[in-house]
N, C-alpha and C. Protein backbone atom coordinates (compact mmCIF):
# COMPACT_ATOMS: atom_id res chain seq x y z
N MET A 1 -70.07 118.43 42.56
CA MET A 1 -68.78 118.95 42.95
C MET A 1 -67.73 117.94 42.49
N SER A 2 -66.66 118.45 41.87
CA SER A 2 -65.59 117.56 41.42
C SER A 2 -64.66 117.24 42.57
N ALA A 3 -63.77 116.29 42.36
CA ALA A 3 -62.80 115.91 43.37
C ALA A 3 -61.91 117.11 43.70
N SER A 4 -61.58 117.93 42.70
CA SER A 4 -60.71 119.11 42.90
C SER A 4 -61.38 120.14 43.78
N THR A 5 -62.66 120.51 43.45
CA THR A 5 -63.35 121.52 44.24
C THR A 5 -63.67 120.97 45.62
N ASP A 6 -63.93 119.68 45.76
CA ASP A 6 -64.21 119.06 47.04
C ASP A 6 -62.97 119.19 47.95
N LEU A 7 -61.80 118.89 47.39
CA LEU A 7 -60.55 118.97 48.17
C LEU A 7 -60.37 120.45 48.67
N VAL A 8 -60.51 121.39 47.80
CA VAL A 8 -60.34 122.78 48.16
C VAL A 8 -61.38 123.18 49.22
N GLN A 9 -62.62 122.73 49.07
CA GLN A 9 -63.63 123.07 50.07
C GLN A 9 -63.38 122.44 51.41
N ARG A 10 -62.92 121.21 51.42
CA ARG A 10 -62.61 120.55 52.73
C ARG A 10 -61.42 121.23 53.40
N GLN A 11 -60.47 121.71 52.63
CA GLN A 11 -59.35 122.49 53.16
C GLN A 11 -59.87 123.79 53.75
N LEU A 12 -60.79 124.42 53.07
CA LEU A 12 -61.38 125.65 53.58
C LEU A 12 -62.20 125.41 54.85
N ASP A 13 -62.90 124.28 54.90
CA ASP A 13 -63.64 123.92 56.12
C ASP A 13 -62.70 123.77 57.29
N ALA A 14 -61.55 123.13 57.08
CA ALA A 14 -60.55 122.95 58.17
C ALA A 14 -60.01 124.33 58.56
N TYR A 15 -59.76 125.19 57.60
CA TYR A 15 -59.32 126.58 57.86
C TYR A 15 -60.35 127.29 58.74
N ASN A 16 -61.62 127.22 58.37
CA ASN A 16 -62.67 127.91 59.12
C ASN A 16 -62.81 127.31 60.54
N ALA A 17 -62.57 126.04 60.68
CA ALA A 17 -62.63 125.39 62.01
C ALA A 17 -61.34 125.64 62.80
N GLN A 18 -60.34 126.22 62.15
CA GLN A 18 -59.03 126.47 62.73
C GLN A 18 -58.41 125.16 63.27
N ASP A 19 -58.59 124.10 62.50
CA ASP A 19 -58.08 122.79 62.81
C ASP A 19 -56.75 122.63 62.05
N ILE A 20 -55.65 123.03 62.68
CA ILE A 20 -54.39 123.06 61.99
C ILE A 20 -53.96 121.72 61.45
N GLU A 21 -54.23 120.64 62.16
CA GLU A 21 -53.85 119.30 61.70
C GLU A 21 -54.61 118.92 60.44
N ALA A 22 -55.91 119.13 60.48
CA ALA A 22 -56.74 118.78 59.31
C ALA A 22 -56.37 119.69 58.13
N PHE A 23 -56.16 120.97 58.42
CA PHE A 23 -55.76 121.94 57.36
C PHE A 23 -54.45 121.52 56.70
N MET A 24 -53.46 121.20 57.50
CA MET A 24 -52.13 120.88 56.89
C MET A 24 -52.17 119.55 56.15
N ALA A 25 -53.11 118.66 56.44
CA ALA A 25 -53.19 117.40 55.73
C ALA A 25 -53.55 117.58 54.26
N PHE A 26 -54.04 118.73 53.90
CA PHE A 26 -54.40 118.98 52.51
C PHE A 26 -53.25 119.48 51.65
N TYR A 27 -52.09 119.77 52.28
CA TYR A 27 -50.97 120.37 51.59
C TYR A 27 -49.80 119.39 51.40
N THR A 28 -49.15 119.50 50.26
CA THR A 28 -47.94 118.70 50.03
C THR A 28 -46.84 119.25 50.96
N GLU A 29 -45.84 118.43 51.25
CA GLU A 29 -44.74 118.83 52.14
C GLU A 29 -44.02 120.05 51.60
N ASP A 30 -43.96 120.20 50.28
CA ASP A 30 -43.21 121.31 49.67
C ASP A 30 -44.12 122.42 49.14
N ALA A 31 -45.35 122.47 49.68
CA ALA A 31 -46.30 123.47 49.24
C ALA A 31 -45.81 124.87 49.41
N GLU A 32 -46.34 125.78 48.57
CA GLU A 32 -45.99 127.20 48.68
C GLU A 32 -47.22 128.04 48.68
N LEU A 33 -47.19 129.12 49.47
CA LEU A 33 -48.23 130.16 49.46
C LEU A 33 -47.55 131.40 48.90
N ALA A 34 -48.20 131.99 47.92
CA ALA A 34 -47.55 133.09 47.21
C ALA A 34 -48.52 134.25 46.96
N GLY A 35 -47.98 135.41 46.79
CA GLY A 35 -48.74 136.54 46.39
C GLY A 35 -48.97 136.53 44.89
N PHE A 36 -49.89 137.30 44.42
CA PHE A 36 -50.18 137.38 42.99
C PHE A 36 -48.90 137.74 42.23
N ASN A 37 -48.66 137.12 41.12
CA ASN A 37 -47.47 137.30 40.31
C ASN A 37 -46.24 136.58 40.87
N GLY A 38 -46.45 135.69 41.82
CA GLY A 38 -45.39 134.74 42.17
C GLY A 38 -44.50 134.97 43.33
N SER A 39 -44.55 136.04 44.12
CA SER A 39 -43.67 136.16 45.26
C SER A 39 -44.08 135.16 46.35
N VAL A 40 -43.19 134.22 46.65
CA VAL A 40 -43.51 133.18 47.61
C VAL A 40 -43.40 133.74 49.04
N ASN A 41 -44.46 133.62 49.84
CA ASN A 41 -44.47 134.10 51.20
C ASN A 41 -44.14 133.05 52.22
N GLN A 42 -44.65 131.81 51.97
CA GLN A 42 -44.36 130.68 52.85
C GLN A 42 -44.05 129.48 51.96
N ALA A 43 -43.03 128.74 52.32
CA ALA A 43 -42.68 127.52 51.55
C ALA A 43 -42.47 126.37 52.51
N GLY A 44 -43.19 125.27 52.30
CA GLY A 44 -43.05 124.06 53.15
C GLY A 44 -44.00 124.06 54.28
N HIS A 45 -44.22 122.85 54.81
CA HIS A 45 -45.15 122.62 55.91
C HIS A 45 -44.87 123.52 57.12
N ALA A 46 -43.64 123.58 57.56
CA ALA A 46 -43.28 124.32 58.79
C ALA A 46 -43.71 125.80 58.67
N ALA A 47 -43.40 126.42 57.57
CA ALA A 47 -43.72 127.85 57.35
C ALA A 47 -45.22 128.07 57.24
N ILE A 48 -45.91 127.18 56.53
CA ILE A 48 -47.36 127.32 56.37
C ILE A 48 -48.06 127.12 57.70
N ARG A 49 -47.62 126.11 58.44
CA ARG A 49 -48.19 125.82 59.77
C ARG A 49 -47.96 127.04 60.71
N ALA A 50 -46.77 127.57 60.76
CA ALA A 50 -46.47 128.73 61.64
C ALA A 50 -47.32 129.90 61.28
N ARG A 51 -47.48 130.19 60.01
CA ARG A 51 -48.29 131.35 59.56
C ARG A 51 -49.71 131.17 60.03
N HIS A 52 -50.29 129.98 59.86
CA HIS A 52 -51.70 129.79 60.18
C HIS A 52 -51.91 129.69 61.69
N LEU A 53 -51.01 129.15 62.45
CA LEU A 53 -51.14 129.15 63.91
C LEU A 53 -51.17 130.59 64.43
N GLU A 54 -50.32 131.45 63.82
CA GLU A 54 -50.32 132.88 64.23
C GLU A 54 -51.64 133.55 63.83
N LEU A 55 -52.11 133.25 62.59
CA LEU A 55 -53.39 133.83 62.13
C LEU A 55 -54.53 133.39 63.00
N PHE A 56 -54.62 132.09 63.30
CA PHE A 56 -55.70 131.60 64.12
C PHE A 56 -55.67 132.18 65.53
N ALA A 57 -54.49 132.41 66.09
CA ALA A 57 -54.40 132.98 67.44
C ALA A 57 -54.80 134.46 67.38
N GLU A 58 -54.46 135.18 66.35
CA GLU A 58 -54.80 136.59 66.25
C GLU A 58 -56.27 136.84 65.94
N PHE A 59 -56.82 135.93 65.12
CA PHE A 59 -58.23 136.08 64.70
C PHE A 59 -58.96 134.80 64.93
N PRO A 60 -59.39 134.52 66.16
CA PRO A 60 -60.03 133.26 66.51
C PRO A 60 -61.39 133.03 65.86
N GLU A 61 -61.99 134.06 65.34
CA GLU A 61 -63.31 133.94 64.66
C GLU A 61 -63.19 134.18 63.14
N ASN A 62 -61.96 134.15 62.62
CA ASN A 62 -61.74 134.31 61.18
C ASN A 62 -62.51 133.29 60.35
N ARG A 63 -63.05 133.74 59.23
CA ARG A 63 -63.84 132.84 58.38
C ARG A 63 -63.70 133.26 56.93
N ALA A 64 -63.55 132.28 56.03
CA ALA A 64 -63.54 132.51 54.63
C ALA A 64 -64.64 131.73 53.97
N ASP A 65 -65.40 132.40 53.09
CA ASP A 65 -66.51 131.75 52.37
C ASP A 65 -66.32 131.90 50.88
N VAL A 66 -66.70 130.81 50.16
CA VAL A 66 -66.57 130.80 48.72
C VAL A 66 -67.71 131.65 48.15
N VAL A 67 -67.32 132.60 47.22
CA VAL A 67 -68.30 133.37 46.48
C VAL A 67 -68.52 132.72 45.13
N ASN A 68 -67.44 132.30 44.51
CA ASN A 68 -67.50 131.67 43.21
C ASN A 68 -66.27 130.84 42.98
N GLU A 69 -66.31 129.87 42.10
CA GLU A 69 -65.13 129.08 41.81
C GLU A 69 -65.12 128.65 40.35
N ILE A 70 -63.90 128.39 39.86
CA ILE A 70 -63.70 127.88 38.53
C ILE A 70 -62.80 126.63 38.67
N ASP A 71 -63.25 125.52 38.17
CA ASP A 71 -62.58 124.23 38.29
C ASP A 71 -61.94 123.88 36.94
N LEU A 72 -60.63 123.85 36.95
CA LEU A 72 -59.91 123.42 35.72
C LEU A 72 -59.14 122.12 35.98
N GLY A 73 -59.62 121.33 36.91
CA GLY A 73 -58.98 120.03 37.20
C GLY A 73 -57.86 120.21 38.19
N SER A 74 -56.61 120.36 37.74
CA SER A 74 -55.51 120.54 38.69
C SER A 74 -55.32 121.95 39.13
N ILE A 75 -56.14 122.87 38.63
CA ILE A 75 -56.16 124.26 39.06
C ILE A 75 -57.59 124.60 39.45
N VAL A 76 -57.77 125.16 40.65
CA VAL A 76 -59.07 125.59 41.10
C VAL A 76 -58.93 127.06 41.53
N MET A 77 -59.69 127.91 40.89
CA MET A 77 -59.68 129.35 41.24
C MET A 77 -60.92 129.64 42.06
N VAL A 78 -60.72 130.26 43.22
CA VAL A 78 -61.80 130.52 44.16
C VAL A 78 -61.82 131.99 44.56
N HIS A 79 -63.00 132.60 44.40
CA HIS A 79 -63.23 133.94 44.88
C HIS A 79 -63.76 133.76 46.30
N GLU A 80 -63.01 134.27 47.31
CA GLU A 80 -63.34 134.09 48.68
C GLU A 80 -63.64 135.43 49.34
N ARG A 81 -64.59 135.42 50.28
CA ARG A 81 -64.83 136.58 51.11
C ARG A 81 -64.39 136.20 52.55
N VAL A 82 -63.51 136.99 53.10
CA VAL A 82 -62.87 136.70 54.39
C VAL A 82 -63.29 137.76 55.42
N ALA A 83 -63.74 137.29 56.57
CA ALA A 83 -64.08 138.22 57.67
C ALA A 83 -63.28 137.75 58.88
N ARG A 84 -62.56 138.70 59.46
CA ARG A 84 -61.73 138.39 60.61
C ARG A 84 -62.55 138.19 61.91
N THR A 85 -63.71 138.91 61.97
CA THR A 85 -64.64 138.76 63.10
C THR A 85 -66.05 138.79 62.55
N PRO A 86 -66.97 138.12 63.20
CA PRO A 86 -68.36 138.11 62.70
C PRO A 86 -68.90 139.54 62.65
N GLY A 87 -69.47 139.94 61.52
CA GLY A 87 -70.02 141.26 61.37
C GLY A 87 -68.97 142.35 61.23
N GLY A 88 -67.71 141.98 61.29
CA GLY A 88 -66.62 142.99 61.15
C GLY A 88 -66.26 143.21 59.70
N ASP A 89 -65.23 143.99 59.52
CA ASP A 89 -64.77 144.27 58.16
C ASP A 89 -64.41 142.96 57.45
N SER A 90 -64.63 142.97 56.15
CA SER A 90 -64.25 141.80 55.36
C SER A 90 -63.48 142.26 54.15
N PHE A 91 -62.82 141.33 53.55
CA PHE A 91 -62.11 141.61 52.30
C PHE A 91 -62.27 140.43 51.37
N GLU A 92 -61.95 140.65 50.10
CA GLU A 92 -62.09 139.58 49.12
C GLU A 92 -60.74 139.20 48.57
N VAL A 93 -60.64 137.94 48.21
CA VAL A 93 -59.38 137.41 47.69
C VAL A 93 -59.68 136.41 46.57
N ALA A 94 -58.85 136.38 45.57
CA ALA A 94 -58.88 135.32 44.58
C ALA A 94 -57.73 134.37 44.96
N ALA A 95 -58.09 133.13 45.21
CA ALA A 95 -57.08 132.12 45.57
C ALA A 95 -57.01 131.13 44.42
N ILE A 96 -55.83 130.98 43.87
CA ILE A 96 -55.60 130.05 42.76
C ILE A 96 -54.84 128.84 43.32
N TYR A 97 -55.56 127.75 43.49
CA TYR A 97 -55.01 126.51 44.06
C TYR A 97 -54.47 125.60 42.95
N THR A 98 -53.21 125.19 43.11
CA THR A 98 -52.60 124.23 42.18
C THR A 98 -52.54 122.91 42.94
N LEU A 99 -53.10 121.84 42.35
CA LEU A 99 -53.22 120.54 42.98
C LEU A 99 -52.22 119.58 42.34
N ARG A 100 -51.66 118.72 43.19
CA ARG A 100 -50.73 117.68 42.70
C ARG A 100 -50.91 116.44 43.58
N ASP A 101 -51.14 115.32 42.97
CA ASP A 101 -51.27 114.06 43.71
C ASP A 101 -52.30 114.11 44.82
N GLY A 102 -53.43 114.77 44.57
CA GLY A 102 -54.50 114.79 45.53
C GLY A 102 -54.31 115.75 46.68
N LYS A 103 -53.34 116.64 46.57
CA LYS A 103 -53.10 117.66 47.62
C LYS A 103 -52.86 119.01 46.94
N ILE A 104 -52.82 120.02 47.81
CA ILE A 104 -52.54 121.40 47.32
C ILE A 104 -51.03 121.60 47.38
N SER A 105 -50.45 121.98 46.21
CA SER A 105 -49.02 122.21 46.16
C SER A 105 -48.66 123.69 46.09
N ARG A 106 -49.61 124.52 45.75
CA ARG A 106 -49.37 125.98 45.73
C ARG A 106 -50.68 126.73 45.76
N VAL A 107 -50.66 127.86 46.45
CA VAL A 107 -51.82 128.75 46.37
C VAL A 107 -51.30 130.16 46.09
N ASP A 108 -51.80 130.77 45.07
CA ASP A 108 -51.45 132.16 44.74
C ASP A 108 -52.66 133.04 45.14
N PHE A 109 -52.41 134.08 45.93
CA PHE A 109 -53.47 134.96 46.40
C PHE A 109 -53.40 136.34 45.76
N ALA A 110 -54.56 136.82 45.33
CA ALA A 110 -54.67 138.20 44.88
C ALA A 110 -55.79 138.81 45.75
N ARG A 111 -55.41 139.81 46.53
CA ARG A 111 -56.36 140.41 47.48
C ARG A 111 -56.93 141.68 46.91
N GLY A 112 -58.27 141.80 47.02
CA GLY A 112 -58.93 142.99 46.57
C GLY A 112 -58.73 144.15 47.52
N GLY A 113 -58.93 145.36 47.03
CA GLY A 113 -58.68 146.57 47.80
C GLY A 113 -59.89 147.03 48.56
């Protein structure tokens, strides 16, 4: 596992544990979460934190697992399977992580239908 994929995996582990402090430690202060083709949904720590606190409260058993990944160094593309509840409906997403200075500076999400 490269340093890039390790960073993304540890961030995903914190997400799955719903550990907001550990999760946020992986993001730059000016990080952005965006939809596919660039529409920014959350920008900066405060917005990302608020979104995830709401998500964790609504779905306390939410989990994302890596199906496949492509490591390009400062870009890591991850095919994830997300389930809001154990054994419940799931969906798939392609998450494109952009890394800067050892942290995540942007994630672009493309959600499958």
